[in-house]
Amino acid sequence: MSKSASSAVKPSVLVLAGSRSGADDPVARLKGTSHKCLAPIDGVVMLERVIQAILDSGVLGQVYVSIESEDLMRTVPALEKWLSDKTIRITPCGSNLADSVIAATEVMDPAFPMIITTGDNALHTPQILQDFVGQFAALKGDAAAGFTSAETVIADFPEVGLAYHRLKDGGYSSCNLYAFRSVKALTAVRIFEGGGQFGKRPMRIIKAFGISPFILYKFKLATMGQLMNRIARNLGITADIIMLPYSYGPIDVDNIPFFEISERALKQRRLAAK
């Protein structure tokens, strides 16, 4: 199958599941696992939850997981089954997220269009994936990123304490959902070189995008749309913002408090579904 983008082809999806901290990650330590994404949360392994949501969404094609070792995943029965029947495939794990994305494109088929998410977004649902992929398909930019407004998150999770991107038109938080339409969009992987988390570490914006976007960001001189356009222009691409009205969208399991918040929310969902 050609690696060129086609509107008839469901996007491949890359799940970033590598761990620079390994077993030293606080969540991995808490649950006694080698990787945070292999930790059980409300009775189900975190990475298993993410992949199940992808499969249930029905809008994504082949699932690829970037992780240090396939053997790690084979310790989880559901992941073992999916590996055996080729529902999921392994891609090389680089020294940073950007290297992992670039390495993945060498083995993904098709490589584009590509959706990227992370293995610790335990709260993601088929619905948020359907919305993100549907909006991306209707847009034209080389790349896209999903965000939720601060107001939407706080309405349901006032205790979460996310580091929001505070801009001229309000606060935003990334949902760890990204889309690349073609190889041209790979210049955008610079956002992953330093690990992202610009809300927590805004100085990383200078390294990734230059001084001008940093000034616009730091002093709230631009709306999110204006900032995205400036960043994309600096990268030589076009990019779109995809707004997602899901309060849980930006909540990944980044630390113990986020683990506890996510587990409570998952338990509430499980009980409500009975």
Protein backbone atom coordinates (compact mmCIF):
# COMPACT_ATOMS: atom_id res chain seq x y z
CA MET A 1 0.00 0.00 0.00
CA SER A 2 1.30 3.46 -0.86
CA LYS A 3 2.41 5.75 1.94
CA SER A 4 0.84 8.74 0.24
CA ALA A 5 -2.18 10.32 1.87
CA SER A 6 -5.55 9.34 0.54
CA SER A 7 -9.01 10.47 1.54
CA ALA A 8 -10.15 6.86 1.15
CA VAL A 9 -7.65 5.59 3.72
CA LYS A 10 -8.35 5.71 7.44
CA PRO A 11 -5.50 7.51 9.20
CA SER A 12 -2.89 5.32 10.84
CA VAL A 13 -2.47 6.06 14.54
CA LEU A 14 0.75 6.24 16.50
CA VAL A 15 0.56 5.78 20.27
CA LEU A 16 3.63 7.16 22.03
CA ALA A 17 4.20 4.81 24.97
CA GLY A 18 7.93 4.97 25.64
CA SER A 19 9.21 6.07 29.04
CA ARG A 20 12.32 8.08 29.71
CA SER A 21 11.74 7.59 33.45
CA GLY A 22 10.94 3.88 33.26
CA ALA A 23 10.18 2.31 36.63
CA ASP A 24 11.27 5.56 38.31
CA ASP A 25 8.11 7.24 37.07
CA PRO A 26 5.96 7.89 40.17
CA VAL A 27 2.89 6.18 38.66
CA ALA A 28 4.96 3.17 37.56
CA ARG A 29 6.40 2.98 41.09
CA LEU A 30 2.95 3.24 42.64
CA LYS A 31 1.64 0.30 40.59
CA GLY A 32 4.88 -1.71 40.42
CA THR A 33 5.24 -1.63 36.63
CA SER A 34 8.15 -0.94 34.29
CA HIS A 35 6.25 1.80 32.41
CA LYS A 36 3.57 4.25 33.45
CA CYS A 37 1.39 3.29 30.49
CA LEU A 38 1.47 -0.36 31.63
CA ALA A 39 0.05 0.54 35.04
CA PRO A 40 -3.51 -0.65 35.73
CA ILE A 41 -6.05 2.09 36.37
CA ASP A 42 -9.47 1.11 37.68
CA GLY A 43 -8.59 -2.47 36.86
CA VAL A 44 -7.47 -2.04 33.24
CA VAL A 45 -3.94 -1.36 31.96
CA MET A 46 -3.67 2.25 30.84
CA LEU A 47 -2.29 1.51 27.37
CA GLU A 48 -4.97 -1.14 26.86
CA ARG A 49 -7.61 1.52 27.58
CA VAL A 50 -6.12 3.90 25.02
CA ILE A 51 -5.93 1.25 22.30
CA GLN A 52 -9.44 -0.02 23.04
CA ALA A 53 -10.81 3.51 22.59
CA ILE A 54 -8.96 3.75 19.25
CA LEU A 55 -10.38 0.44 18.04
CA ASP A 56 -13.89 1.28 19.22
CA SER A 57 -13.83 4.66 17.47
CA GLY A 58 -14.01 2.99 14.06
CA VAL A 59 -12.34 5.97 12.37
CA LEU A 60 -8.69 4.94 12.57
CA GLY A 61 -6.66 2.42 10.64
CA GLN A 62 -3.60 0.44 11.70
CA VAL A 63 -2.48 1.04 15.28
CA TYR A 64 1.24 1.47 15.92
CA VAL A 65 2.80 1.69 19.38
CA SER A 66 6.17 3.32 20.00
CA ILE A 67 7.74 1.59 23.00
CA GLU A 68 11.19 0.32 23.97
CA SER A 69 10.37 -3.38 23.92
CA GLU A 70 7.62 -5.55 22.46
CA ASP A 71 8.24 -8.04 25.29
CA LEU A 72 6.97 -5.46 27.79
CA MET A 73 3.62 -5.34 26.05
CA ARG A 74 3.32 -9.12 25.81
CA THR A 75 3.03 -9.28 29.61
CA VAL A 76 -0.50 -7.84 29.27
CA PRO A 77 -2.98 -10.41 27.88
CA ALA A 78 -5.01 -7.97 25.76
CA LEU A 79 -1.88 -6.39 24.30
CA GLU A 80 -0.41 -9.84 23.65
CA LYS A 81 -3.53 -10.82 21.69
CA TRP A 82 -3.53 -7.61 19.64
CA LEU A 83 0.16 -8.04 18.83
CA SER A 84 -0.36 -11.64 17.77
CA ASP A 85 -3.20 -10.85 15.39
CA LYS A 86 -1.47 -7.69 14.07
CA THR A 87 -4.16 -5.37 15.42
CA ILE A 88 -1.24 -3.39 16.82
CA ARG A 89 2.34 -3.20 15.62
CA ILE A 90 5.51 -1.92 17.28
CA THR A 91 7.60 0.98 15.98
CA PRO A 92 11.08 2.07 17.11
CA CYS A 93 11.31 4.21 20.22
CA GLY A 94 13.75 7.13 19.86
CA SER A 95 15.64 9.07 22.50
CA ASN A 96 12.90 11.72 22.46
CA LEU A 97 9.35 12.02 21.18
CA ALA A 98 10.38 13.71 17.94
CA ASP A 99 12.81 10.91 17.07
CA SER A 100 10.13 8.35 17.87
CA VAL A 101 7.65 9.98 15.48
CA ILE A 102 10.20 10.22 12.67
CA ALA A 103 11.32 6.60 13.19
CA ALA A 104 7.71 5.46 13.13
CA THR A 105 7.09 6.97 9.70
CA GLU A 106 9.75 4.64 8.28
CA VAL A 107 7.68 1.56 9.14
CA MET A 108 4.07 2.79 9.22
CA ASP A 109 2.00 1.85 6.19
CA PRO A 110 0.43 4.14 5.29
CA ALA A 111 2.43 6.73 7.19
CA PHE A 112 0.02 9.51 6.24
CA PRO A 113 -2.46 10.70 7.19
CA MET A 114 -1.25 10.06 10.74
CA ILE A 115 -2.91 10.64 14.10
CA ILE A 116 -0.67 10.80 17.17
CA THR A 117 -1.71 10.31 20.77
CA THR A 118 -0.08 9.09 23.97
CA GLY A 119 -0.33 5.95 26.05
CA ASP A 120 -1.30 7.75 29.24
CA ASN A 121 -4.52 9.41 28.09
CA ALA A 122 -6.60 6.91 30.05
CA LEU A 123 -9.77 9.02 29.89
CA HIS A 124 -9.91 9.32 26.11
CA THR A 125 -13.03 7.84 24.55
CA PRO A 126 -14.10 6.76 21.07
CA GLN A 127 -16.17 9.95 20.90
CA ILE A 128 -13.24 12.35 21.29
CA LEU A 129 -11.29 10.42 18.65
CA GLN A 130 -14.24 10.46 16.24
CA ASP A 131 -14.65 14.20 16.71
CA PHE A 132 -10.93 14.92 16.24
CA VAL A 133 -10.54 12.75 13.15
CA GLY A 134 -13.79 14.03 11.63
CA GLN A 135 -12.77 17.67 12.03
CA PHE A 136 -9.28 16.96 10.67
CA ALA A 137 -10.75 15.30 7.57
CA ALA A 138 -12.82 18.43 6.90
CA LEU A 139 -9.85 20.79 7.21
CA LYS A 140 -6.96 21.46 4.84
CA GLY A 141 -3.93 22.24 7.01
CA ASP A 142 -0.76 20.18 6.89
CA ALA A 143 -1.06 19.52 10.61
CA ALA A 144 -3.59 19.90 13.39
CA ALA A 145 -3.68 19.81 17.18
CA GLY A 146 -6.59 19.22 19.54
CA PHE A 147 -7.34 21.57 22.44
CA THR A 148 -10.02 22.02 25.07
CA SER A 149 -10.81 25.34 26.73
CA ALA A 150 -9.87 25.88 30.35
CA GLU A 151 -13.50 26.70 31.17
CA THR A 152 -14.67 23.33 29.84
CA VAL A 153 -12.11 21.41 31.90
CA ILE A 154 -12.67 23.35 35.11
CA ALA A 155 -16.44 22.90 34.91
CA ASP A 156 -16.05 19.16 35.52
CA PHE A 157 -12.56 18.90 37.04
CA PRO A 158 -12.01 22.03 39.17
CA GLU A 159 -9.30 20.25 41.15
CA VAL A 160 -7.17 19.10 38.24
CA GLY A 161 -4.72 22.05 38.20
CA LEU A 162 -3.61 21.85 34.58
CA ALA A 163 -1.03 24.33 33.29
CA TYR A 164 -3.21 26.13 30.75
CA HIS A 165 -1.99 28.11 27.78
CA ARG A 166 -3.28 31.56 28.74
CA LEU A 167 -3.72 33.68 25.63
CA LYS A 168 -5.58 36.78 24.48
CA ASP A 169 -8.81 34.87 23.97
CA GLY A 170 -8.69 32.61 27.03
CA GLY A 171 -7.08 29.47 28.39
CA TYR A 172 -6.44 26.26 26.49
CA SER A 173 -5.02 22.83 27.21
CA SER A 174 -3.70 20.27 24.74
CA CYS A 175 -5.55 16.96 24.42
CA ASN A 176 -2.43 15.08 23.23
CA LEU A 177 -4.09 14.60 19.86
CA TYR A 178 -2.12 15.61 16.78
CA ALA A 179 -2.59 14.98 13.08
CA PHE A 180 -0.17 15.08 10.15
CA ARG A 181 -1.58 15.06 6.62
CA SER A 182 1.62 14.43 4.66
CA VAL A 183 5.39 14.19 4.98
CA LYS A 184 5.58 17.99 4.77
CA ALA A 185 3.96 18.19 8.19
CA LEU A 186 6.88 16.34 9.79
CA THR A 187 8.60 19.67 10.37
CA ALA A 188 6.04 20.07 13.16
CA VAL A 189 7.62 17.23 15.15
CA ARG A 190 9.87 19.94 16.60
CA ILE A 191 7.07 20.38 19.12
CA PHE A 192 8.12 17.05 20.60
CA GLU A 193 11.90 17.57 20.70
CA GLY A 194 11.96 18.94 24.23
CA GLY A 195 9.04 16.91 25.48
CA GLY A 196 6.34 19.53 24.91
CA GLN A 197 4.52 20.63 28.10
CA PHE A 198 4.75 24.29 27.04
CA GLY A 199 2.17 25.30 29.62
CA LYS A 200 4.49 24.09 32.38
CA ARG A 201 7.73 25.12 30.67
CA PRO A 202 7.02 28.05 28.33
CA MET A 203 10.73 28.67 27.70
CA ARG A 204 10.64 25.53 25.56
CA ILE A 205 8.66 27.59 23.04
CA ILE A 206 11.82 29.55 22.16
CA LYS A 207 13.75 26.38 21.35
CA ALA A 208 10.89 24.86 19.39
CA PHE A 209 9.45 27.85 17.55
CA GLY A 210 11.62 30.95 18.02
CA ILE A 211 11.45 34.18 20.00
CA SER A 212 8.46 35.76 18.24
CA PRO A 213 5.93 33.07 19.24
CA PHE A 214 7.36 33.14 22.75
CA ILE A 215 6.71 36.87 23.08
CA LEU A 216 3.19 36.49 21.73
CA TYR A 217 2.61 33.66 24.20
CA LYS A 218 4.29 35.17 27.25
CA PHE A 219 2.50 38.51 27.05
CA LYS A 220 -0.83 37.22 25.73
CA LEU A 221 -0.55 39.31 22.57
CA ALA A 222 -2.29 36.79 20.31
CA THR A 223 -5.30 34.55 20.24
CA MET A 224 -4.70 30.82 20.02
CA GLY A 225 -5.51 30.94 16.30
CA GLN A 226 -3.07 33.78 15.67
CA LEU A 227 -0.33 32.04 17.65
CA MET A 228 -0.86 28.78 15.80
CA ASN A 229 -0.66 30.58 12.45
CA ARG A 230 2.60 32.27 13.45
CA ILE A 231 4.15 29.01 14.62
CA ALA A 232 3.04 27.19 11.47
CA ARG A 233 4.45 29.95 9.26
CA ASN A 234 7.79 29.71 11.08
CA LEU A 235 7.77 25.96 10.42
CA GLY A 236 6.86 26.40 6.76
CA ILE A 237 3.54 24.58 7.01
CA THR A 238 -0.14 25.28 7.58
CA ALA A 239 -1.84 24.11 10.75
CA ASP A 240 -5.30 24.00 12.27
CA ILE A 241 -6.64 24.11 15.80
CA ILE A 242 -9.30 21.53 16.57
CA MET A 243 -11.41 22.50 19.55
CA LEU A 244 -12.77 19.51 21.46
CA PRO A 245 -15.60 20.08 23.97
CA TYR A 246 -14.61 17.25 26.31
CA SER A 247 -13.55 18.17 29.82
CA TYR A 248 -11.50 14.98 30.16
CA GLY A 249 -9.61 15.54 26.89
CA PRO A 250 -6.47 17.19 28.30
CA ILE A 251 -6.19 15.01 31.42
CA ASP A 252 -3.36 12.55 31.02
CA VAL A 253 -1.83 10.49 33.82
CA ASP A 254 1.18 12.72 34.31
CA ASN A 255 1.62 12.20 38.06
CA ILE A 256 -0.01 10.66 41.13
CA PRO A 257 -2.72 13.36 41.55
CA PHE A 258 -3.70 13.02 37.88
CA PHE A 259 -3.75 9.23 38.30
CA GLU A 260 -6.14 9.56 41.23
CA ILE A 261 -8.40 12.02 39.37
CA SER A 262 -8.45 9.78 36.29
CA GLU A 263 -9.18 6.65 38.30
CA ARG A 264 -12.10 8.32 40.08
CA ALA A 265 -13.52 9.46 36.74
CA LEU A 266 -13.13 5.99 35.23
CA LYS A 267 -14.85 4.41 38.21
CA GLN A 268 -17.74 6.87 37.87
CA ARG A 269 -18.08 5.99 34.17
CA ARG A 270 -18.05 2.28 34.95
CA LEU A 271 -20.71 2.57 37.62
CA ALA A 272 -22.86 4.85 35.45
CA ALA A 273 -22.75 2.30 32.63
CA LYS A 274 -24.26 -0.47 34.78
